[in-house]
């Protein structure tokens, strides 16, 4: 022990180094960032929240999801039966019959006109009636398509994003109105993390700089500082700072308490790996 304590140099041959796992790496001078950690909470990104509503008045015919379910983009959420859709469908069927009849009359009148049995004006009137009937049919089809995806006499509502059903305000058989929110879908692919930073440190921050979000389990996730509030919180006397995080691996959940590690300054010094320190 004494010989090691007062020795200026200890030499270990390569075989012993390999046996006991000694590794060496050159120390070097470089610029390093000095990080400060602040408390934060995870919030949903409101730009990734989607409200589900019906394009027609009606009644919930089928409900395929419940609150808390994970849904994929394009997945069917519910169907809404609508008397208006049923009325349009009935009018389309009648319009089809009218078009078919007008076409038969036009074909007959065309033959008679070519054989010079009837005057041109009669053939022309039959052609006008057919085109009018066809136009009415196409107008009804366009009206039906304007309500979205139709199945029978019902409107099919699908999820516009991949996410979680945050809220459902109806059950099977509930009446719904045009534009009324039926349910809310939250996507957690990207989240906002709001940290509270003392005013003295805020002046050193810049929008766009890279920061790190640290979970309670020690998971470190890269994020981008996107917004610095211009007002001081009257209770904490701190600034709210927003960090945008891509939630790869789904490690973050809304309302989760985390820490945010933000570079507040930099310094130049002799750098060694943290694994070399005992």
C-alpha atoms as a PDB file:
ATOM      1  CA  UNK A   1       0.000   0.000   0.000  1.00  0.00           C
ATOM      2  CA  UNK A   2       2.805   2.395   0.890  1.00  0.00           C
ATOM      3  CA  UNK A   3       4.653   1.709  -2.332  1.00  0.00           C
ATOM      4  CA  UNK A   4       1.533   2.559  -4.395  1.00  0.00           C
ATOM      5  CA  UNK A   5       0.706   5.629  -2.334  1.00  0.00           C
ATOM      6  CA  UNK A   6       4.050   7.328  -2.800  1.00  0.00           C
ATOM      7  CA  UNK A   7       4.926   5.956  -6.238  1.00  0.00           C
ATOM      8  CA  UNK A   8       5.262   8.432  -9.120  1.00  0.00           C
ATOM      9  CA  UNK A   9       4.448   5.830 -11.757  1.00  0.00           C
ATOM     10  CA  UNK A  10       2.880   2.359 -11.752  1.00  0.00           C
ATOM     11  CA  UNK A  11       3.584   0.061 -14.685  1.00  0.00           C
ATOM     12  CA  UNK A  12       1.239  -2.817 -15.592  1.00  0.00           C
ATOM     13  CA  UNK A  13       2.008  -5.054 -18.516  1.00  0.00           C
ATOM     14  CA  UNK A  14      -0.540  -5.579 -21.297  1.00  0.00           C
ATOM     15  CA  UNK A  15      -1.544  -9.082 -20.164  1.00  0.00           C
ATOM     16  CA  UNK A  16      -2.485  -7.897 -16.696  1.00  0.00           C
ATOM     17  CA  UNK A  17      -4.278  -4.853 -18.170  1.00  0.00           C
ATOM     18  CA  UNK A  18      -6.364  -7.149 -20.333  1.00  0.00           C
ATOM     19  CA  UNK A  19      -7.051  -9.514 -17.447  1.00  0.00           C
ATOM     20  CA  UNK A  20      -8.338  -6.862 -15.033  1.00  0.00           C
ATOM     21  CA  UNK A  21     -10.060  -4.795 -17.759  1.00  0.00           C
ATOM     22  CA  UNK A  22      -7.966  -1.624 -17.739  1.00  0.00           C
ATOM     23  CA  UNK A  23      -8.721   0.708 -20.671  1.00  0.00           C
ATOM     24  CA  UNK A  24      -7.071   4.018 -21.472  1.00  0.00           C
ATOM     25  CA  UNK A  25      -8.125   7.009 -23.536  1.00  0.00           C
ATOM     26  CA  UNK A  26      -6.394  10.373 -24.036  1.00  0.00           C
ATOM     27  CA  UNK A  27      -7.834  13.306 -22.107  1.00  0.00           C
ATOM     28  CA  UNK A  28      -8.430  16.409 -24.241  1.00  0.00           C
ATOM     29  CA  UNK A  29      -9.411  20.052 -23.995  1.00  0.00           C
ATOM     30  CA  UNK A  30     -12.724  20.979 -25.534  1.00  0.00           C
ATOM     31  CA  UNK A  31     -15.776  23.200 -25.181  1.00  0.00           C
ATOM     32  CA  UNK A  32     -18.516  21.631 -23.057  1.00  0.00           C
ATOM     33  CA  UNK A  33     -22.027  22.758 -22.208  1.00  0.00           C
ATOM     34  CA  UNK A  34     -23.013  23.286 -18.611  1.00  0.00           C
ATOM     35  CA  UNK A  35     -26.523  21.942 -18.006  1.00  0.00           C
ATOM     36  CA  UNK A  36     -29.063  22.947 -15.390  1.00  0.00           C
ATOM     37  CA  UNK A  37     -32.025  20.742 -14.439  1.00  0.00           C
ATOM     38  CA  UNK A  38     -35.530  22.129 -13.905  1.00  0.00           C
ATOM     39  CA  UNK A  39     -38.846  20.536 -12.895  1.00  0.00           C
ATOM     40  CA  UNK A  40     -41.359  20.009 -15.690  1.00  0.00           C
ATOM     41  CA  UNK A  41     -44.606  18.309 -16.601  1.00  0.00           C
ATOM     42  CA  UNK A  42     -45.669  16.547 -19.808  1.00  0.00           C
ATOM     43  CA  UNK A  43     -48.666  17.970 -21.696  1.00  0.00           C
ATOM     44  CA  UNK A  44     -50.518  16.937 -24.825  1.00  0.00           C
ATOM     45  CA  UNK A  45     -49.753  18.765 -28.048  1.00  0.00           C
ATOM     46  CA  UNK A  46     -53.093  20.468 -28.843  1.00  0.00           C
ATOM     47  CA  UNK A  47     -52.218  20.568 -32.552  1.00  0.00           C
ATOM     48  CA  UNK A  48     -52.431  16.750 -32.540  1.00  0.00           C
ATOM     49  CA  UNK A  49     -55.887  16.595 -30.910  1.00  0.00           C
ATOM     50  CA  UNK A  50     -58.817  15.846 -33.215  1.00  0.00           C
ATOM     51  CA  UNK A  51     -62.502  16.368 -32.520  1.00  0.00           C
ATOM     52  CA  UNK A  52     -64.889  13.830 -34.050  1.00  0.00           C
ATOM     53  CA  UNK A  53     -68.262  15.173 -35.182  1.00  0.00           C
ATOM     54  CA  UNK A  54     -71.028  14.206 -37.565  1.00  0.00           C
ATOM     55  CA  UNK A  55     -71.778  15.951 -40.859  1.00  0.00           C
ATOM     56  CA  UNK A  56     -75.514  15.281 -40.411  1.00  0.00           C
ATOM     57  CA  UNK A  57     -78.129  15.139 -37.680  1.00  0.00           C
ATOM     58  CA  UNK A  58     -78.862  11.583 -36.706  1.00  0.00           C
ATOM     59  CA  UNK A  59     -78.642   8.764 -34.178  1.00  0.00           C
ATOM     60  CA  UNK A  60     -75.579   6.725 -33.157  1.00  0.00           C
ATOM     61  CA  UNK A  61     -76.186   3.397 -34.871  1.00  0.00           C
ATOM     62  CA  UNK A  62     -72.981   1.550 -33.896  1.00  0.00           C
ATOM     63  CA  UNK A  63     -70.141   2.485 -31.530  1.00  0.00           C
ATOM     64  CA  UNK A  64     -66.909   0.554 -32.020  1.00  0.00           C
ATOM     65  CA  UNK A  65     -64.566   2.140 -29.435  1.00  0.00           C
ATOM     66  CA  UNK A  66     -64.596   3.191 -25.790  1.00  0.00           C
ATOM     67  CA  UNK A  67     -62.750   5.822 -23.802  1.00  0.00           C
ATOM     68  CA  UNK A  68     -59.043   5.052 -23.442  1.00  0.00           C
ATOM     69  CA  UNK A  69     -58.858   2.807 -26.525  1.00  0.00           C
ATOM     70  CA  UNK A  70     -55.861   3.090 -28.839  1.00  0.00           C
ATOM     71  CA  UNK A  71     -57.004   3.698 -32.414  1.00  0.00           C
ATOM     72  CA  UNK A  72     -55.188   3.846 -35.727  1.00  0.00           C
ATOM     73  CA  UNK A  73     -55.643   6.426 -38.461  1.00  0.00           C
ATOM     74  CA  UNK A  74     -58.568   5.397 -40.672  1.00  0.00           C
ATOM     75  CA  UNK A  75     -60.111   3.066 -38.073  1.00  0.00           C
ATOM     76  CA  UNK A  76     -63.937   3.143 -37.868  1.00  0.00           C
ATOM     77  CA  UNK A  77     -65.109   4.818 -34.657  1.00  0.00           C
ATOM     78  CA  UNK A  78     -68.894   4.824 -35.102  1.00  0.00           C
ATOM     79  CA  UNK A  79     -71.732   5.036 -37.606  1.00  0.00           C
ATOM     80  CA  UNK A  80     -74.560   7.599 -37.467  1.00  0.00           C
ATOM     81  CA  UNK A  81     -77.957   6.784 -38.970  1.00  0.00           C
ATOM     82  CA  UNK A  82     -79.495   9.845 -40.622  1.00  0.00           C
ATOM     83  CA  UNK A  83     -83.051  10.291 -41.923  1.00  0.00           C
ATOM     84  CA  UNK A  84     -81.657  12.934 -44.298  1.00  0.00           C
ATOM     85  CA  UNK A  85     -79.263  10.387 -45.822  1.00  0.00           C
ATOM     86  CA  UNK A  86     -82.130   7.926 -46.145  1.00  0.00           C
ATOM     87  CA  UNK A  87     -84.185  10.611 -47.928  1.00  0.00           C
ATOM     88  CA  UNK A  88     -81.344  11.395 -50.350  1.00  0.00           C
ATOM     89  CA  UNK A  89     -80.848   7.670 -51.051  1.00  0.00           C
ATOM     90  CA  UNK A  90     -84.554   7.315 -51.859  1.00  0.00           C
ATOM     91  CA  UNK A  91     -84.418  10.345 -54.173  1.00  0.00           C
ATOM     92  CA  UNK A  92     -81.373   8.849 -55.929  1.00  0.00           C
ATOM     93  CA  UNK A  93     -83.257   5.625 -56.596  1.00  0.00           C
ATOM     94  CA  UNK A  94     -86.185   7.577 -58.054  1.00  0.00           C
ATOM     95  CA  UNK A  95     -83.785   9.698 -60.108  1.00  0.00           C
ATOM     96  CA  UNK A  96     -82.205   6.523 -61.517  1.00  0.00           C
ATOM     97  CA  UNK A  97     -85.633   5.335 -62.677  1.00  0.00           C
ATOM     98  CA  UNK A  98     -86.305   8.743 -64.218  1.00  0.00           C
ATOM     99  CA  UNK A  99     -82.971   8.653 -66.081  1.00  0.00           C
ATOM    100  CA  UNK A 100     -83.622   5.119 -67.328  1.00  0.00           C
ATOM    101  CA  UNK A 101     -87.074   6.088 -68.595  1.00  0.00           C
ATOM    102  CA  UNK A 102     -85.795   9.287 -70.228  1.00  0.00           C
ATOM    103  CA  UNK A 103     -83.032   7.297 -71.938  1.00  0.00           C
ATOM    104  CA  UNK A 104     -85.527   4.811 -73.362  1.00  0.00           C
ATOM    105  CA  UNK A 105     -87.689   7.654 -74.685  1.00  0.00           C
ATOM    106  CA  UNK A 106     -84.635   9.379 -76.181  1.00  0.00           C
ATOM    107  CA  UNK A 107     -83.480   6.193 -77.935  1.00  0.00           C
ATOM    108  CA  UNK A 108     -86.970   5.674 -79.404  1.00  0.00           C
ATOM    109  CA  UNK A 109     -87.294   9.303 -80.492  1.00  0.00           C
ATOM    110  CA  UNK A 110     -83.851   9.192 -82.092  1.00  0.00           C
ATOM    111  CA  UNK A 111     -84.838   6.192 -84.214  1.00  0.00           C
ATOM    112  CA  UNK A 112     -88.111   7.854 -85.259  1.00  0.00           C
ATOM    113  CA  UNK A 113     -86.323  11.094 -86.080  1.00  0.00           C
ATOM    114  CA  UNK A 114     -83.748   9.317 -88.246  1.00  0.00           C
ATOM    115  CA  UNK A 115     -86.574   7.590 -90.072  1.00  0.00           C
ATOM    116  CA  UNK A 116     -88.175  11.031 -90.540  1.00  0.00           C
ATOM    117  CA  UNK A 117     -91.313   9.986 -88.700  1.00  0.00           C
ATOM    118  CA  UNK A 118     -91.152  12.804 -86.122  1.00  0.00           C
ATOM    119  CA  UNK A 119     -89.826  16.383 -86.359  1.00  0.00           C
ATOM    120  CA  UNK A 120     -86.462  17.369 -84.935  1.00  0.00           C
ATOM    121  CA  UNK A 121     -88.002  19.433 -82.128  1.00  0.00           C
ATOM    122  CA  UNK A 122     -89.579  16.317 -80.616  1.00  0.00           C
ATOM    123  CA  UNK A 123     -86.256  14.470 -80.626  1.00  0.00           C
ATOM    124  CA  UNK A 124     -84.568  17.579 -79.215  1.00  0.00           C
ATOM    125  CA  UNK A 125     -87.090  17.813 -76.357  1.00  0.00           C
ATOM    126  CA  UNK A 126     -86.498  14.155 -75.463  1.00  0.00           C
ATOM    127  CA  UNK A 127     -82.766  14.799 -75.378  1.00  0.00           C
ATOM    128  CA  UNK A 128     -83.266  17.806 -73.065  1.00  0.00           C
ATOM    129  CA  UNK A 129     -85.428  15.734 -70.698  1.00  0.00           C
ATOM    130  CA  UNK A 130     -82.791  12.997 -70.533  1.00  0.00           C
ATOM    131  CA  UNK A 131     -79.979  15.449 -69.810  1.00  0.00           C
ATOM    132  CA  UNK A 132     -82.123  17.134 -67.165  1.00  0.00           C
ATOM    133  CA  UNK A 133     -82.844  13.799 -65.446  1.00  0.00           C
ATOM    134  CA  UNK A 134     -79.150  12.861 -65.602  1.00  0.00           C
ATOM    135  CA  UNK A 135     -78.158  16.220 -64.111  1.00  0.00           C
ATOM    136  CA  UNK A 136     -80.586  15.764 -61.208  1.00  0.00           C
ATOM    137  CA  UNK A 137     -79.154  12.302 -60.498  1.00  0.00           C
ATOM    138  CA  UNK A 138     -75.578  13.575 -60.512  1.00  0.00           C
ATOM    139  CA  UNK A 139     -76.524  16.476 -58.228  1.00  0.00           C
ATOM    140  CA  UNK A 140     -78.051  14.066 -55.710  1.00  0.00           C
ATOM    141  CA  UNK A 141     -74.937  11.875 -55.808  1.00  0.00           C
ATOM    142  CA  UNK A 142     -72.705  14.895 -55.187  1.00  0.00           C
ATOM    143  CA  UNK A 143     -74.920  15.936 -52.287  1.00  0.00           C
ATOM    144  CA  UNK A 144     -74.622  12.446 -50.790  1.00  0.00           C
ATOM    145  CA  UNK A 145     -70.836  12.398 -51.225  1.00  0.00           C
ATOM    146  CA  UNK A 146     -70.548  15.765 -49.462  1.00  0.00           C
ATOM    147  CA  UNK A 147     -71.538  14.069 -46.196  1.00  0.00           C
ATOM    148  CA  UNK A 148     -68.496  11.808 -46.280  1.00  0.00           C
ATOM    149  CA  UNK A 149     -68.330   8.031 -46.272  1.00  0.00           C
ATOM    150  CA  UNK A 150     -71.809   6.510 -46.558  1.00  0.00           C
ATOM    151  CA  UNK A 151     -72.856   2.960 -45.744  1.00  0.00           C
ATOM    152  CA  UNK A 152     -76.538   2.288 -46.352  1.00  0.00           C
ATOM    153  CA  UNK A 153     -78.402   5.157 -44.699  1.00  0.00           C
ATOM    154  CA  UNK A 154     -75.600   5.940 -42.249  1.00  0.00           C
ATOM    155  CA  UNK A 155     -72.470   8.111 -42.133  1.00  0.00           C
ATOM    156  CA  UNK A 156     -69.255   6.278 -41.241  1.00  0.00           C
ATOM    157  CA  UNK A 157     -66.874   8.244 -39.012  1.00  0.00           C
ATOM    158  CA  UNK A 158     -63.197   7.241 -38.955  1.00  0.00           C
ATOM    159  CA  UNK A 159     -60.247   8.415 -36.876  1.00  0.00           C
ATOM    160  CA  UNK A 160     -58.158  11.117 -38.547  1.00  0.00           C
ATOM    161  CA  UNK A 161     -55.069  10.202 -36.538  1.00  0.00           C
ATOM    162  CA  UNK A 162     -53.372   7.433 -34.591  1.00  0.00           C
ATOM    163  CA  UNK A 163     -53.879   8.038 -30.891  1.00  0.00           C
ATOM    164  CA  UNK A 164     -56.065   7.493 -27.843  1.00  0.00           C
ATOM    165  CA  UNK A 165     -59.786   8.100 -27.337  1.00  0.00           C
ATOM    166  CA  UNK A 166     -59.715  10.828 -24.680  1.00  0.00           C
ATOM    167  CA  UNK A 167     -63.424  11.458 -24.355  1.00  0.00           C
ATOM    168  CA  UNK A 168     -66.727  10.020 -25.611  1.00  0.00           C
ATOM    169  CA  UNK A 169     -69.960  11.953 -25.154  1.00  0.00           C
ATOM    170  CA  UNK A 170     -72.415   9.468 -26.689  1.00  0.00           C
ATOM    171  CA  UNK A 171     -73.641   5.896 -26.369  1.00  0.00           C
ATOM    172  CA  UNK A 172     -75.407   3.685 -28.869  1.00  0.00           C
ATOM    173  CA  UNK A 173     -78.741   5.291 -29.685  1.00  0.00           C
ATOM    174  CA  UNK A 174     -77.728   8.817 -28.670  1.00  0.00           C
ATOM    175  CA  UNK A 175     -78.920  11.686 -30.902  1.00  0.00           C
ATOM    176  CA  UNK A 176     -76.166  13.779 -32.504  1.00  0.00           C
ATOM    177  CA  UNK A 177     -76.259  17.173 -34.188  1.00  0.00           C
ATOM    178  CA  UNK A 178     -74.204  18.598 -37.059  1.00  0.00           C
ATOM    179  CA  UNK A 179     -70.793  19.780 -35.846  1.00  0.00           C
ATOM    180  CA  UNK A 180     -71.384  18.655 -32.246  1.00  0.00           C
ATOM    181  CA  UNK A 181     -68.334  16.985 -30.681  1.00  0.00           C
ATOM    182  CA  UNK A 182     -68.908  13.256 -30.311  1.00  0.00           C
ATOM    183  CA  UNK A 183     -65.466  12.233 -29.116  1.00  0.00           C
ATOM    184  CA  UNK A 184     -61.902  13.506 -28.857  1.00  0.00           C
ATOM    185  CA  UNK A 185     -58.784  11.725 -30.130  1.00  0.00           C
ATOM    186  CA  UNK A 186     -55.343  12.615 -28.753  1.00  0.00           C
ATOM    187  CA  UNK A 187     -52.145  11.651 -30.552  1.00  0.00           C
ATOM    188  CA  UNK A 188     -49.128  11.136 -28.294  1.00  0.00           C
ATOM    189  CA  UNK A 189     -46.580  10.849 -31.095  1.00  0.00           C
ATOM    190  CA  UNK A 190     -45.408  14.346 -30.196  1.00  0.00           C
ATOM    191  CA  UNK A 191     -45.786  15.959 -26.779  1.00  0.00           C
ATOM    192  CA  UNK A 192     -45.124  19.273 -25.066  1.00  0.00           C
ATOM    193  CA  UNK A 193     -43.006  19.375 -21.929  1.00  0.00           C
ATOM    194  CA  UNK A 194     -43.399  22.576 -19.914  1.00  0.00           C
ATOM    195  CA  UNK A 195     -40.544  23.427 -17.545  1.00  0.00           C
ATOM    196  CA  UNK A 196     -40.395  26.226 -14.989  1.00  0.00           C
ATOM    197  CA  UNK A 197     -37.120  28.141 -15.287  1.00  0.00           C
ATOM    198  CA  UNK A 198     -35.920  30.991 -13.028  1.00  0.00           C
ATOM    199  CA  UNK A 199     -35.844  34.363 -14.753  1.00  0.00           C
ATOM    200  CA  UNK A 200     -32.066  34.697 -14.325  1.00  0.00           C
ATOM    201  CA  UNK A 201     -31.548  31.552 -16.432  1.00  0.00           C
ATOM    202  CA  UNK A 202     -34.166  32.370 -19.080  1.00  0.00           C
ATOM    203  CA  UNK A 203     -31.998  35.132 -20.558  1.00  0.00           C
ATOM    204  CA  UNK A 204     -29.431  32.500 -21.591  1.00  0.00           C
ATOM    205  CA  UNK A 205     -31.942  30.342 -23.455  1.00  0.00           C
ATOM    206  CA  UNK A 206     -32.709  30.420 -27.169  1.00  0.00           C
ATOM    207  CA  UNK A 207     -35.663  29.025 -29.072  1.00  0.00           C
ATOM    208  CA  UNK A 208     -34.523  26.117 -31.232  1.00  0.00           C
ATOM    209  CA  UNK A 209     -31.746  24.848 -28.984  1.00  0.00           C
ATOM    210  CA  UNK A 210     -31.508  21.185 -28.047  1.00  0.00           C
ATOM    211  CA  UNK A 211     -32.516  20.148 -24.534  1.00  0.00           C
ATOM    212  CA  UNK A 212     -33.095  16.816 -22.800  1.00  0.00           C
ATOM    213  CA  UNK A 213     -36.138  15.480 -20.962  1.00  0.00           C
ATOM    214  CA  UNK A 214     -35.326  13.064 -18.135  1.00  0.00           C
ATOM    215  CA  UNK A 215     -37.999  10.647 -16.876  1.00  0.00           C
ATOM    216  CA  UNK A 216     -38.296   9.302 -13.327  1.00  0.00           C
ATOM    217  CA  UNK A 217     -36.653   6.077 -14.525  1.00  0.00           C
ATOM    218  CA  UNK A 218     -33.650   8.010 -15.830  1.00  0.00           C
ATOM    219  CA  UNK A 219     -34.555   7.761 -19.511  1.00  0.00           C
ATOM    220  CA  UNK A 220     -33.064  10.713 -21.413  1.00  0.00           C
ATOM    221  CA  UNK A 221     -35.046  11.975 -24.414  1.00  0.00           C
ATOM    222  CA  UNK A 222     -33.912  14.649 -26.855  1.00  0.00           C
ATOM    223  CA  UNK A 223     -36.200  17.633 -27.398  1.00  0.00           C
ATOM    224  CA  UNK A 224     -36.264  21.130 -28.874  1.00  0.00           C
ATOM    225  CA  UNK A 225     -36.976  24.349 -26.977  1.00  0.00           C
ATOM    226  CA  UNK A 226     -39.867  25.877 -28.932  1.00  0.00           C
ATOM    227  CA  UNK A 227     -41.284  28.664 -26.779  1.00  0.00           C
ATOM    228  CA  UNK A 228     -40.384  30.909 -23.827  1.00  0.00           C
ATOM    229  CA  UNK A 229     -43.339  32.528 -22.082  1.00  0.00           C
ATOM    230  CA  UNK A 230     -43.133  36.307 -21.839  1.00  0.00           C
ATOM    231  CA  UNK A 231     -44.917  36.358 -18.486  1.00  0.00           C
ATOM    232  CA  UNK A 232     -43.736  35.275 -15.029  1.00  0.00           C
ATOM    233  CA  UNK A 233     -45.885  32.773 -13.142  1.00  0.00           C
ATOM    234  CA  UNK A 234     -47.272  34.765 -10.153  1.00  0.00           C
ATOM    235  CA  UNK A 235     -47.096  31.702  -7.879  1.00  0.00           C
ATOM    236  CA  UNK A 236     -43.650  30.322  -8.702  1.00  0.00           C
ATOM    237  CA  UNK A 237     -42.023  33.530 -10.017  1.00  0.00           C
ATOM    238  CA  UNK A 238     -40.595  31.488 -12.869  1.00  0.00           C
ATOM    239  CA  UNK A 239     -40.949  31.417 -16.639  1.00  0.00           C
ATOM    240  CA  UNK A 240     -42.738  28.570 -18.387  1.00  0.00           C
ATOM    241  CA  UNK A 241     -40.548  27.110 -21.122  1.00  0.00           C
ATOM    242  CA  UNK A 242     -42.017  24.725 -23.702  1.00  0.00           C
ATOM    243  CA  UNK A 243     -40.047  21.793 -25.089  1.00  0.00           C
ATOM    244  CA  UNK A 244     -41.317  19.755 -28.055  1.00  0.00           C
ATOM    245  CA  UNK A 245     -40.486  16.044 -27.868  1.00  0.00           C
ATOM    246  CA  UNK A 246     -41.051  13.264 -30.391  1.00  0.00           C
ATOM    247  CA  UNK A 247     -42.413  10.495 -28.163  1.00  0.00           C
ATOM    248  CA  UNK A 248     -40.459   7.637 -29.751  1.00  0.00           C
ATOM    249  CA  UNK A 249     -40.923   4.484 -27.695  1.00  0.00           C
ATOM    250  CA  UNK A 250     -43.930   6.001 -25.908  1.00  0.00           C
ATOM    251  CA  UNK A 251     -41.844   6.713 -22.781  1.00  0.00           C
ATOM    252  CA  UNK A 252     -43.740   9.916 -21.985  1.00  0.00           C
ATOM    253  CA  UNK A 253     -47.344  10.254 -20.853  1.00  0.00           C
ATOM    254  CA  UNK A 254     -49.447  13.403 -20.410  1.00  0.00           C
ATOM    255  CA  UNK A 255     -49.360  14.806 -16.841  1.00  0.00           C
ATOM    256  CA  UNK A 256     -46.136  12.900 -16.046  1.00  0.00           C
ATOM    257  CA  UNK A 257     -43.648  14.773 -13.861  1.00  0.00           C
ATOM    258  CA  UNK A 258     -40.182  14.891 -15.435  1.00  0.00           C
ATOM    259  CA  UNK A 259     -37.045  17.007 -15.416  1.00  0.00           C
ATOM    260  CA  UNK A 260     -35.667  19.108 -18.232  1.00  0.00           C
ATOM    261  CA  UNK A 261     -31.925  19.450 -18.681  1.00  0.00           C
ATOM    262  CA  UNK A 262     -31.106  22.717 -20.442  1.00  0.00           C
ATOM    263  CA  UNK A 263     -27.647  24.082 -21.378  1.00  0.00           C
ATOM    264  CA  UNK A 264     -27.308  27.453 -19.635  1.00  0.00           C
ATOM    265  CA  UNK A 265     -23.626  28.167 -20.322  1.00  0.00           C
ATOM    266  CA  UNK A 266     -20.422  26.626 -21.700  1.00  0.00           C
ATOM    267  CA  UNK A 267     -16.814  26.309 -20.616  1.00  0.00           C
ATOM    268  CA  UNK A 268     -13.537  24.947 -21.950  1.00  0.00           C
ATOM    269  CA  UNK A 269     -11.731  22.325 -19.927  1.00  0.00           C
ATOM    270  CA  UNK A 270      -9.959  19.002 -19.744  1.00  0.00           C
ATOM    271  CA  UNK A 271     -12.489  16.311 -20.607  1.00  0.00           C
ATOM    272  CA  UNK A 272     -12.408  12.630 -19.667  1.00  0.00           C
ATOM    273  CA  UNK A 273     -15.131   9.960 -19.979  1.00  0.00           C
ATOM    274  CA  UNK A 274     -17.483   9.787 -16.992  1.00  0.00           C
ATOM    275  CA  UNK A 275     -16.802   6.032 -16.865  1.00  0.00           C
ATOM    276  CA  UNK A 276     -13.161   6.811 -15.943  1.00  0.00           C
ATOM    277  CA  UNK A 277     -14.184   8.538 -12.709  1.00  0.00           C
ATOM    278  CA  UNK A 278     -14.396   6.526  -9.466  1.00  0.00           C
END
